[in-house]
Amino acid sequence: MKLCVLMPVHNEARFVRSAIASILPARAALDIDIVIVDDGSTDDTAEIIRNIAETTPQIRLIRKENRGVSHARNTLLGAIPKGCDLVTFLDGDDAFEAGYLERACRIMAADPTLDLHYAQLCLIESDWQDMSGEPRDNSLISRTISMSIGIYRPALLARVGAFDTGFTHGEDTDYLLRLFELGPNVHLSNDIAVLYRQHGGNATKDKAANRRGVARAIMGHIRRRKQDPTLVTVDGIFAISQLGSDLTKRRAP
């Protein structure tokens, strides 16, 4: 099974090694492509990625002028290689939980009717390269709004279309609301997909801008539902939850 990991980066020199390193162990079980769009970094991000790519042919780096994360993600969507079975995203300052990609892809491979595997993330306050050893006793585990906790069939992403480049914050909320409105066959997993790094440079630290973006995305969802009542509501998909051991498969409500 071929998995493509899409990574938008901007000035992630501190953490991008860790992000890439969290993908590479899955190569033992999966055919993986890693496509990285450097959205006009002014630090050593691109050089670090090029150095890793010298010994990691699975990595393809695309450099572009800085136009924001929505533009970067659209460039990534356009760079998904032909023959790819599954797609996921990872931000350059986060990391996949060990073993998650292999487990999730096995579930998707076992049921071709699934459009999407959607798991949870663990929020960790960390400036360390490797977050895997950080204590998690007080960490928040959440099925929240994140492109990185989904593993998608390319056909589903094609149905949703592009990211709205009018969003500087909340673009992932808008995209996922549009995705779940389509009523995909989704496997909701209590597995931890991603270690989400909280640090001073997070875009979500700008709480006011993030609230505005999320509110705009929700209003867009309400408008679309009024115009087309056949669209699916998404109650419960993004709820904070406790980590459990059971896996559930259902259609989005």
Protein backbone atom coordinates (compact mmCIF):
# COMPACT_ATOMS: atom_id res chain seq x y z
CA MET A 1 0.00 0.00 0.00
CA LYS A 2 1.34 3.41 -1.01
CA LEU A 3 0.97 6.26 1.48
CA CYS A 4 1.78 9.86 0.68
CA VAL A 5 2.59 12.18 3.60
CA LEU A 6 2.08 15.87 2.80
CA MET A 7 4.03 18.36 4.93
CA PRO A 8 3.75 22.16 4.73
CA VAL A 9 6.66 23.92 6.43
CA HIS A 10 7.61 27.51 7.16
CA ASN A 11 10.64 28.30 9.32
CA GLU A 12 10.63 24.89 11.02
CA ALA A 13 14.41 24.44 11.31
CA ARG A 14 14.10 23.58 15.00
CA PHE A 15 11.66 20.72 14.59
CA VAL A 16 11.47 19.45 11.00
CA ARG A 17 14.06 16.71 11.60
CA SER A 18 11.84 15.28 14.31
CA ALA A 19 8.75 15.46 12.11
CA ILE A 20 10.45 13.60 9.25
CA ALA A 21 12.02 11.08 11.63
CA SER A 22 8.56 10.15 12.94
CA ILE A 23 7.52 9.05 9.44
CA LEU A 24 10.53 7.01 8.41
CA PRO A 25 10.07 3.86 10.57
CA ALA A 26 6.81 3.12 8.74
CA ARG A 27 8.83 2.45 5.58
CA ALA A 28 9.36 -1.10 6.86
CA ALA A 29 5.65 -1.81 6.34
CA LEU A 30 4.51 0.79 3.81
CA ASP A 31 5.55 2.28 0.50
CA ILE A 32 5.84 5.94 1.53
CA ASP A 33 6.30 9.18 -0.36
CA ILE A 34 6.96 12.37 1.61
CA VAL A 35 6.14 15.59 -0.23
CA ILE A 36 7.24 18.78 1.55
CA VAL A 37 6.33 22.31 0.51
CA ASP A 38 8.59 24.97 1.97
CA ASP A 39 6.42 28.08 2.06
CA GLY A 40 9.16 30.69 1.78
CA SER A 41 11.21 29.81 4.86
CA THR A 42 13.93 32.31 5.77
CA ASP A 43 15.80 30.00 8.14
CA ASP A 44 17.65 26.71 7.44
CA THR A 45 14.51 24.61 6.93
CA ALA A 46 15.11 23.87 3.23
CA GLU A 47 18.79 23.05 3.75
CA ILE A 48 17.95 20.63 6.55
CA ILE A 49 15.36 18.87 4.38
CA ARG A 50 17.74 18.66 1.42
CA ASN A 51 20.41 17.11 3.64
CA ILE A 52 17.98 14.46 4.87
CA ALA A 53 16.76 13.82 1.32
CA GLU A 54 20.28 12.93 0.21
CA THR A 55 19.87 9.62 2.04
CA THR A 56 16.08 9.45 1.92
CA PRO A 57 14.88 9.26 -1.69
CA GLN A 58 11.25 9.15 -0.55
CA ILE A 59 11.42 12.90 0.16
CA ARG A 60 10.47 15.47 -2.49
CA LEU A 61 10.95 19.14 -1.60
CA ILE A 62 9.04 21.91 -3.34
CA ARG A 63 10.06 25.49 -2.57
CA LYS A 64 7.73 28.42 -3.17
CA GLU A 65 7.29 32.02 -2.13
CA ASN A 66 5.54 32.63 1.16
CA ARG A 67 1.80 32.78 0.54
CA GLY A 68 0.43 31.06 3.64
CA VAL A 69 -0.52 27.57 4.72
CA SER A 70 -3.65 27.29 2.55
CA HIS A 71 -1.62 27.95 -0.60
CA ALA A 72 1.04 25.51 0.60
CA ARG A 73 -1.53 22.78 1.22
CA ASN A 74 -3.07 23.31 -2.21
CA THR A 75 0.38 22.91 -3.75
CA LEU A 76 0.70 19.66 -1.80
CA LEU A 77 -2.69 18.41 -3.02
CA GLY A 78 -1.53 19.04 -6.57
CA ALA A 79 1.67 17.08 -5.93
CA ILE A 80 0.07 13.81 -4.76
CA PRO A 81 1.75 11.14 -6.88
CA LYS A 82 -0.25 8.93 -9.22
CA GLY A 83 -0.90 5.47 -7.87
CA CYS A 84 -1.12 6.71 -4.30
CA ASP A 85 -3.59 4.68 -2.19
CA LEU A 86 -3.75 6.87 0.91
CA VAL A 87 -2.85 10.43 1.91
CA THR A 88 -2.17 12.12 5.22
CA PHE A 89 -0.76 15.42 6.43
CA LEU A 90 1.83 16.36 9.04
CA ASP A 91 2.89 19.84 10.12
CA GLY A 92 6.61 20.48 10.33
CA ASP A 93 6.64 20.95 14.11
CA ASP A 94 4.56 17.87 15.00
CA ALA A 95 5.27 14.13 14.93
CA PHE A 96 3.40 10.90 14.30
CA GLU A 97 2.94 8.55 17.22
CA ALA A 98 5.13 5.45 16.82
CA GLY A 99 3.30 2.68 14.98
CA TYR A 100 0.24 4.75 14.16
CA LEU A 101 0.68 4.92 10.38
CA GLU A 102 1.12 1.17 10.10
CA ARG A 103 -1.95 0.43 12.23
CA ALA A 104 -4.19 2.95 10.47
CA CYS A 105 -3.17 1.85 6.98
CA ARG A 106 -3.86 -1.79 7.86
CA ILE A 107 -7.40 -0.81 8.82
CA MET A 108 -7.89 1.10 5.58
CA ALA A 109 -6.43 -1.76 3.52
CA ALA A 110 -8.75 -4.28 5.17
CA ASP A 111 -11.90 -2.35 4.21
CA PRO A 112 -11.89 -0.74 0.76
CA THR A 113 -15.26 0.91 1.52
CA LEU A 114 -13.64 3.23 4.07
CA ASP A 115 -13.01 6.77 2.85
CA LEU A 116 -11.24 8.03 5.95
CA HIS A 117 -9.52 6.94 9.17
CA TYR A 118 -9.85 9.68 11.81
CA ALA A 119 -8.04 9.35 15.12
CA GLN A 120 -6.91 11.65 17.96
CA LEU A 121 -3.98 13.85 18.86
CA CYS A 122 -2.02 14.40 22.05
CA LEU A 123 -1.07 17.99 22.90
CA ILE A 124 2.43 18.26 24.34
CA GLU A 125 4.25 21.37 25.56
CA SER A 126 7.76 20.73 24.28
CA ASP A 127 10.81 22.40 22.77
CA TRP A 128 12.67 19.09 22.52
CA GLN A 129 13.38 17.58 19.14
CA ASP A 130 11.97 14.20 20.17
CA MET A 131 8.59 14.43 21.90
CA SER A 132 8.10 10.68 22.29
CA GLY A 133 9.68 10.61 25.73
CA GLU A 134 7.76 13.58 27.12
CA PRO A 135 5.41 12.80 30.04
CA ARG A 136 1.74 12.55 29.06
CA ASP A 137 0.02 12.21 32.42
CA ASN A 138 -1.53 15.67 32.13
CA SER A 139 -1.64 15.91 28.36
CA LEU A 140 -4.90 16.61 26.56
CA ILE A 141 -5.97 13.90 24.15
CA SER A 142 -8.54 15.12 21.68
CA ARG A 143 -10.42 14.14 18.55
CA THR A 144 -10.16 17.66 17.30
CA ILE A 145 -9.74 19.67 14.12
CA SER A 146 -6.53 18.54 12.45
CA MET A 147 -5.67 17.39 8.96
CA SER A 148 -2.91 15.24 10.47
CA ILE A 149 -5.19 12.87 12.38
CA GLY A 150 -6.91 11.78 9.18
CA ILE A 151 -5.77 9.24 6.61
CA TYR A 152 -7.69 9.87 3.41
CA ARG A 153 -8.46 8.16 0.15
CA PRO A 154 -7.29 10.47 -2.65
CA ALA A 155 -10.76 10.28 -4.21
CA LEU A 156 -12.27 11.83 -1.07
CA LEU A 157 -9.81 14.74 -1.15
CA ALA A 158 -10.62 15.25 -4.83
CA ARG A 159 -14.33 15.53 -3.95
CA VAL A 160 -13.64 18.17 -1.30
CA GLY A 161 -11.37 20.16 -3.58
CA ALA A 162 -8.91 22.89 -2.63
CA PHE A 163 -8.30 24.72 0.62
CA ASP A 164 -9.90 28.15 0.74
CA THR A 165 -6.97 30.55 0.40
CA GLY A 166 -9.00 33.31 2.01
CA PHE A 167 -8.31 31.68 5.37
CA THR A 168 -5.15 32.61 7.27
CA HIS A 169 -6.43 30.75 10.36
CA GLY A 170 -9.06 28.03 10.57
CA GLU A 171 -8.43 26.71 7.06
CA ASP A 172 -8.30 23.14 8.38
CA THR A 173 -11.66 23.65 10.16
CA ASP A 174 -13.22 24.85 6.92
CA TYR A 175 -11.72 21.97 4.94
CA LEU A 176 -12.74 19.25 7.39
CA LEU A 177 -16.26 20.63 7.73
CA ARG A 178 -16.61 20.49 3.95
CA LEU A 179 -15.18 16.98 3.98
CA PHE A 180 -17.51 15.60 6.65
CA GLU A 181 -20.51 17.29 5.03
CA LEU A 182 -20.08 14.77 2.21
CA GLY A 183 -20.90 11.91 4.60
CA PRO A 184 -17.73 9.84 4.09
CA ASN A 185 -17.52 6.31 5.44
CA VAL A 186 -15.22 7.04 8.37
CA HIS A 187 -13.44 4.82 10.85
CA LEU A 188 -13.26 6.75 14.13
CA SER A 189 -10.28 5.52 16.13
CA ASN A 190 -9.26 6.19 19.72
CA ASP A 191 -5.64 5.72 18.68
CA ILE A 192 -3.25 8.65 19.11
CA ALA A 193 -2.20 9.69 15.63
CA VAL A 194 -0.09 12.77 16.24
CA LEU A 195 1.94 14.43 18.96
CA TYR A 196 0.89 18.05 18.54
CA ARG A 197 3.64 20.34 19.71
CA GLN A 198 2.57 23.46 21.61
CA HIS A 199 5.22 26.16 21.52
CA GLY A 200 5.51 29.90 21.07
CA GLY A 201 5.52 29.75 17.28
CA ASN A 202 2.20 27.90 16.83
CA ALA A 203 -0.19 29.70 14.51
CA THR A 204 -2.96 28.76 16.96
CA LYS A 205 -1.29 30.88 19.66
CA ASP A 206 -2.98 33.88 18.03
CA LYS A 207 -6.23 33.04 19.75
CA ALA A 208 -8.22 35.98 18.39
CA ALA A 209 -7.30 35.26 14.77
CA ASN A 210 -7.92 31.55 15.29
CA ARG A 211 -11.37 32.22 16.78
CA ARG A 212 -12.25 34.43 13.83
CA GLY A 213 -11.15 31.79 11.35
CA VAL A 214 -13.03 28.99 13.10
CA ALA A 215 -16.17 31.14 13.41
CA ARG A 216 -16.01 31.94 9.71
CA ALA A 217 -15.64 28.24 8.88
CA ILE A 218 -18.66 27.34 11.03
CA MET A 219 -20.77 30.07 9.47
CA GLY A 220 -19.83 28.71 6.06
CA HIS A 221 -20.99 25.26 7.17
CA ILE A 222 -24.32 26.69 8.36
CA ARG A 223 -24.86 28.53 5.08
CA ARG A 224 -24.10 25.44 3.01
CA ARG A 225 -26.49 23.36 5.12
CA LYS A 226 -29.28 25.88 4.58
CA GLN A 227 -28.67 25.89 0.83
CA ASP A 228 -28.35 22.09 0.61
CA PRO A 229 -30.10 20.11 3.38
CA THR A 230 -28.65 16.87 2.00
CA LEU A 231 -25.25 17.82 3.41
CA VAL A 232 -24.34 15.85 6.53
CA THR A 233 -24.03 17.50 9.94
CA VAL A 234 -20.79 16.88 11.80
CA ASP A 235 -21.83 16.88 15.47
CA GLY A 236 -19.45 14.90 17.66
CA ILE A 237 -16.60 14.50 15.20
CA PHE A 238 -14.43 17.15 16.82
CA ALA A 239 -15.30 16.49 20.48
CA ILE A 240 -12.60 16.34 23.14
CA SER A 241 -12.51 12.81 24.46
CA GLN A 242 -10.62 10.51 26.75
CA LEU A 243 -8.29 7.94 25.26
CA GLY A 244 -9.93 4.53 25.11
CA SER A 245 -9.08 1.16 23.68
CA ASP A 246 -12.15 0.51 21.51
CA LEU A 247 -12.31 1.31 17.84
CA THR A 248 -15.60 2.24 16.22
CA LYS A 249 -16.59 2.34 12.59
CA ARG A 250 -19.58 4.40 11.53
CA ARG A 251 -20.71 6.99 9.08
CA ALA A 252 -20.38 10.60 10.14
CA PRO A 253 -23.62 11.67 11.89
